[in-house]
Amino acid sequence: MVKLKIDQKAIEVPDGSTIMDAANIAGIPIPKLCFLKDINEIGACRGCVV
């Protein structure tokens, strides 16, 4: 498990989780346009600003 803080909220997520997964687990909505899990990790559009 990985411990982290998002918006001052301490959470734990499984190893290998993305920041988008972590935010989702924490109930923190992040707008996203191009995130396709297991397809590409470049995220070049920066729509999510993560």
PDB file of N, CA and C in Angstrom:
ATOM      1  N   MET A   1       0.848  -1.194   0.000  1.00  0.00           N
ATOM      2  CA  MET A   1       0.000   0.000   0.000  1.00  0.00           C
ATOM      3  C   MET A   1       0.890   1.252   0.000  1.00  0.00           C
ATOM      4  N   VAL A   2       0.408   2.266  -0.661  1.00  0.00           N
ATOM      5  CA  VAL A   2       1.100   3.547  -0.742  1.00  0.00           C
ATOM      6  C   VAL A   2       0.273   4.573   0.015  1.00  0.00           C
ATOM      7  N   LYS A   3       0.922   5.341   0.887  1.00  0.00           N
ATOM      8  CA  LYS A   3       0.249   6.403   1.632  1.00  0.00           C
ATOM      9  C   LYS A   3       0.541   7.728   0.946  1.00  0.00           C
ATOM     10  N   LEU A   4      -0.509   8.554   0.769  1.00  0.00           N
ATOM     11  CA  LEU A   4      -0.328   9.862   0.160  1.00  0.00           C
ATOM     12  C   LEU A   4      -1.426  10.805   0.613  1.00  0.00           C
ATOM     13  N   LYS A   5      -1.260  12.081   0.281  1.00  0.00           N
ATOM     14  CA  LYS A   5      -2.272  13.099   0.577  1.00  0.00           C
ATOM     15  C   LYS A   5      -2.695  13.759  -0.715  1.00  0.00           C
ATOM     16  N   ILE A   6      -3.996  13.912  -0.858  1.00  0.00           N
ATOM     17  CA  ILE A   6      -4.569  14.680  -1.962  1.00  0.00           C
ATOM     18  C   ILE A   6      -5.538  15.665  -1.329  1.00  0.00           C
ATOM     19  N   ASP A   7      -5.351  16.948  -1.599  1.00  0.00           N
ATOM     20  CA  ASP A   7      -6.206  17.983  -1.008  1.00  0.00           C
ATOM     21  C   ASP A   7      -6.288  17.836   0.512  1.00  0.00           C
ATOM     22  N   GLN A   8      -5.150  17.596   1.141  1.00  0.00           N
ATOM     23  CA  GLN A   8      -5.042  17.459   2.597  1.00  0.00           C
ATOM     24  C   GLN A   8      -5.777  16.239   3.139  1.00  0.00           C
ATOM     25  N   LYS A   9      -6.145  15.311   2.284  1.00  0.00           N
ATOM     26  CA  LYS A   9      -6.842  14.100   2.701  1.00  0.00           C
ATOM     27  C   LYS A   9      -5.865  12.927   2.608  1.00  0.00           C
ATOM     28  N   ALA A  10      -5.537  12.316   3.745  1.00  0.00           N
ATOM     29  CA  ALA A  10      -4.611  11.180   3.776  1.00  0.00           C
ATOM     30  C   ALA A  10      -5.336   9.914   3.335  1.00  0.00           C
ATOM     31  N   ILE A  11      -4.744   9.217   2.368  1.00  0.00           N
ATOM     32  CA  ILE A  11      -5.345   7.979   1.870  1.00  0.00           C
ATOM     33  C   ILE A  11      -4.265   6.930   1.650  1.00  0.00           C
ATOM     34  N   GLU A  12      -4.678   5.704   1.502  1.00  0.00           N
ATOM     35  CA  GLU A  12      -3.804   4.597   1.143  1.00  0.00           C
ATOM     36  C   GLU A  12      -4.382   3.929  -0.091  1.00  0.00           C
ATOM     37  N   VAL A  13      -3.517   3.645  -1.045  1.00  0.00           N
ATOM     38  CA  VAL A  13      -3.937   2.970  -2.276  1.00  0.00           C
ATOM     39  C   VAL A  13      -2.991   1.812  -2.553  1.00  0.00           C
ATOM     40  N   PRO A  14      -3.436   0.837  -3.323  1.00  0.00           N
ATOM     41  CA  PRO A  14      -2.575  -0.303  -3.647  1.00  0.00           C
ATOM     42  C   PRO A  14      -1.361   0.127  -4.474  1.00  0.00           C
ATOM     43  N   ASP A  15      -0.245  -0.574  -4.314  1.00  0.00           N
ATOM     44  CA  ASP A  15       0.940  -0.346  -5.146  1.00  0.00           C
ATOM     45  C   ASP A  15       0.532  -0.418  -6.611  1.00  0.00           C
ATOM     46  N   GLY A  16       1.107   0.438  -7.423  1.00  0.00           N
ATOM     47  CA  GLY A  16       0.818   0.436  -8.848  1.00  0.00           C
ATOM     48  C   GLY A  16      -0.373   1.283  -9.249  1.00  0.00           C
ATOM     49  N   SER A  17      -1.054   1.902  -8.274  1.00  0.00           N
ATOM     50  CA  SER A  17      -2.191   2.770  -8.590  1.00  0.00           C
ATOM     51  C   SER A  17      -1.690   4.058  -9.238  1.00  0.00           C
ATOM     52  N   THR A  18      -2.491   4.612 -10.132  1.00  0.00           N
ATOM     53  CA  THR A  18      -2.164   5.915 -10.703  1.00  0.00           C
ATOM     54  C   THR A  18      -2.711   7.008  -9.783  1.00  0.00           C
ATOM     55  N   ILE A  19      -2.298   8.231 -10.010  1.00  0.00           N
ATOM     56  CA  ILE A  19      -2.828   9.338  -9.220  1.00  0.00           C
ATOM     57  C   ILE A  19      -4.322   9.509  -9.492  1.00  0.00           C
ATOM     58  N   MET A  20      -4.738   9.183 -10.711  1.00  0.00           N
ATOM     59  CA  MET A  20      -6.163   9.243 -11.036  1.00  0.00           C
ATOM     60  C   MET A  20      -6.935   8.184 -10.245  1.00  0.00           C
ATOM     61  N   ASP A  21      -6.366   6.981 -10.116  1.00  0.00           N
ATOM     62  CA  ASP A  21      -6.994   5.935  -9.304  1.00  0.00           C
ATOM     63  C   ASP A  21      -7.089   6.383  -7.848  1.00  0.00           C
ATOM     64  N   ALA A  22      -6.004   6.962  -7.338  1.00  0.00           N
ATOM     65  CA  ALA A  22      -5.966   7.399  -5.943  1.00  0.00           C
ATOM     66  C   ALA A  22      -7.026   8.462  -5.678  1.00  0.00           C
ATOM     67  N   ALA A  23      -7.153   9.417  -6.574  1.00  0.00           N
ATOM     68  CA  ALA A  23      -8.160  10.465  -6.401  1.00  0.00           C
ATOM     69  C   ALA A  23      -9.562   9.867  -6.422  1.00  0.00           C
ATOM     70  N   ASN A  24      -9.786   8.922  -7.301  1.00  0.00           N
ATOM     71  CA  ASN A  24     -11.089   8.267  -7.380  1.00  0.00           C
ATOM     72  C   ASN A  24     -11.408   7.528  -6.084  1.00  0.00           C
ATOM     73  N   ILE A  25     -10.440   6.811  -5.538  1.00  0.00           N
ATOM     74  CA  ILE A  25     -10.624   6.099  -4.272  1.00  0.00           C
ATOM     75  C   ILE A  25     -10.957   7.078  -3.152  1.00  0.00           C
ATOM     76  N   ALA A  26     -10.310   8.253  -3.180  1.00  0.00           N
ATOM     77  CA  ALA A  26     -10.527   9.270  -2.147  1.00  0.00           C
ATOM     78  C   ALA A  26     -11.805  10.061  -2.357  1.00  0.00           C
ATOM     79  N   GLY A  27     -12.501   9.830  -3.478  1.00  0.00           N
ATOM     80  CA  GLY A  27     -13.724  10.568  -3.753  1.00  0.00           C
ATOM     81  C   GLY A  27     -13.464  11.988  -4.220  1.00  0.00           C
ATOM     82  N   ILE A  28     -12.284  12.225  -4.813  1.00  0.00           N
ATOM     83  CA  ILE A  28     -11.915  13.548  -5.301  1.00  0.00           C
ATOM     84  C   ILE A  28     -12.064  13.552  -6.822  1.00  0.00           C
ATOM     85  N   PRO A  29     -13.040  14.294  -7.350  1.00  0.00           N
ATOM     86  CA  PRO A  29     -13.243  14.310  -8.799  1.00  0.00           C
ATOM     87  C   PRO A  29     -12.160  15.118  -9.512  1.00  0.00           C
ATOM     88  N   ILE A  30     -11.584  14.546 -10.544  1.00  0.00           N
ATOM     89  CA  ILE A  30     -10.613  15.245 -11.392  1.00  0.00           C
ATOM     90  C   ILE A  30     -11.111  15.120 -12.832  1.00  0.00           C
ATOM     91  N   PRO A  31     -11.404  16.249 -13.491  1.00  0.00           N
ATOM     92  CA  PRO A  31     -11.839  16.176 -14.882  1.00  0.00           C
ATOM     93  C   PRO A  31     -10.758  15.522 -15.734  1.00  0.00           C
ATOM     94  N   LYS A  32     -11.173  14.647 -16.638  1.00  0.00           N
ATOM     95  CA  LYS A  32     -10.203  13.986 -17.509  1.00  0.00           C
ATOM     96  C   LYS A  32     -10.846  13.742 -18.869  1.00  0.00           C
ATOM     97  N   LEU A  33     -10.050  13.911 -19.905  1.00  0.00           N
ATOM     98  CA  LEU A  33     -10.534  13.712 -21.261  1.00  0.00           C
ATOM     99  C   LEU A  33      -9.888  12.500 -21.921  1.00  0.00           C
ATOM    100  N   CYS A  34      -8.612  12.284 -21.686  1.00  0.00           N
ATOM    101  CA  CYS A  34      -7.877  11.299 -22.478  1.00  0.00           C
ATOM    102  C   CYS A  34      -7.374  10.103 -21.667  1.00  0.00           C
ATOM    103  N   PHE A  35      -7.723   9.957 -20.437  1.00  0.00           N
ATOM    104  CA  PHE A  35      -7.173   8.883 -19.614  1.00  0.00           C
ATOM    105  C   PHE A  35      -7.758   7.538 -20.020  1.00  0.00           C
ATOM    106  N   LEU A  36      -6.942   6.697 -20.598  1.00  0.00           N
ATOM    107  CA  LEU A  36      -7.341   5.353 -20.965  1.00  0.00           C
ATOM    108  C   LEU A  36      -6.414   4.382 -20.252  1.00  0.00           C
ATOM    109  N   LYS A  37      -6.884   3.780 -19.197  1.00  0.00           N
ATOM    110  CA  LYS A  37      -6.064   2.890 -18.385  1.00  0.00           C
ATOM    111  C   LYS A  37      -5.453   1.779 -19.245  1.00  0.00           C
ATOM    112  N   ASP A  38      -4.185   1.496 -19.017  1.00  0.00           N
ATOM    113  CA  ASP A  38      -3.421   0.444 -19.694  1.00  0.00           C
ATOM    114  C   ASP A  38      -3.157   0.722 -21.176  1.00  0.00           C
ATOM    115  N   ILE A  39      -3.469   1.901 -21.679  1.00  0.00           N
ATOM    116  CA  ILE A  39      -3.209   2.214 -23.081  1.00  0.00           C
ATOM    117  C   ILE A  39      -1.994   3.123 -23.217  1.00  0.00           C
ATOM    118  N   ASN A  40      -1.966   4.218 -22.472  1.00  0.00           N
ATOM    119  CA  ASN A  40      -0.925   5.218 -22.644  1.00  0.00           C
ATOM    120  C   ASN A  40      -0.732   5.971 -21.334  1.00  0.00           C
ATOM    121  N   GLU A  41       0.484   6.161 -20.936  1.00  0.00           N
ATOM    122  CA  GLU A  41       0.722   6.914 -19.695  1.00  0.00           C
ATOM    123  C   GLU A  41       1.347   8.276 -19.947  1.00  0.00           C
ATOM    124  N   ILE A  42       1.298   8.760 -21.188  1.00  0.00           N
ATOM    125  CA  ILE A  42       1.887  10.052 -21.517  1.00  0.00           C
ATOM    126  C   ILE A  42       1.023  11.202 -20.999  1.00  0.00           C
ATOM    127  N   GLY A  43      -0.271  11.161 -21.235  1.00  0.00           N
ATOM    128  CA  GLY A  43      -1.185  12.215 -20.766  1.00  0.00           C
ATOM    129  C   GLY A  43      -0.862  13.566 -21.343  1.00  0.00           C
ATOM    130  N   ALA A  44      -0.586  13.637 -22.621  1.00  0.00           N
ATOM    131  CA  ALA A  44      -0.092  14.863 -23.259  1.00  0.00           C
ATOM    132  C   ALA A  44      -1.116  15.994 -23.336  1.00  0.00           C
ATOM    133  N   CYS A  45      -2.396  15.731 -23.214  1.00  0.00           N
ATOM    134  CA  CYS A  45      -3.373  16.811 -23.377  1.00  0.00           C
ATOM    135  C   CYS A  45      -3.391  17.746 -22.169  1.00  0.00           C
ATOM    136  N   ARG A  46      -3.013  17.273 -20.997  1.00  0.00           N
ATOM    137  CA  ARG A  46      -3.005  18.053 -19.748  1.00  0.00           C
ATOM    138  C   ARG A  46      -4.380  18.539 -19.361  1.00  0.00           C
ATOM    139  N   GLY A  47      -5.437  17.883 -19.863  1.00  0.00           N
ATOM    140  CA  GLY A  47      -6.793  18.252 -19.493  1.00  0.00           C
ATOM    141  C   GLY A  47      -7.062  18.048 -18.009  1.00  0.00           C
ATOM    142  N   CYS A  48      -6.395  17.070 -17.410  1.00  0.00           N
ATOM    143  CA  CYS A  48      -6.618  16.772 -15.994  1.00  0.00           C
ATOM    144  C   CYS A  48      -5.709  17.612 -15.101  1.00  0.00           C
ATOM    145  N   VAL A  49      -4.671  18.184 -15.622  1.00  0.00           N
ATOM    146  CA  VAL A  49      -3.706  19.019 -14.905  1.00  0.00           C
ATOM    147  C   VAL A  49      -3.164  18.306 -13.673  1.00  0.00           C
ATOM    148  N   VAL A  50      -2.902  17.032 -13.812  1.00  0.00           N
ATOM    149  CA  VAL A  50      -2.313  16.257 -12.722  1.00  0.00           C
ATOM    150  C   VAL A  50      -0.879  15.962 -13.085  1.00  0.00           C
TER     151      VAL A  50
END
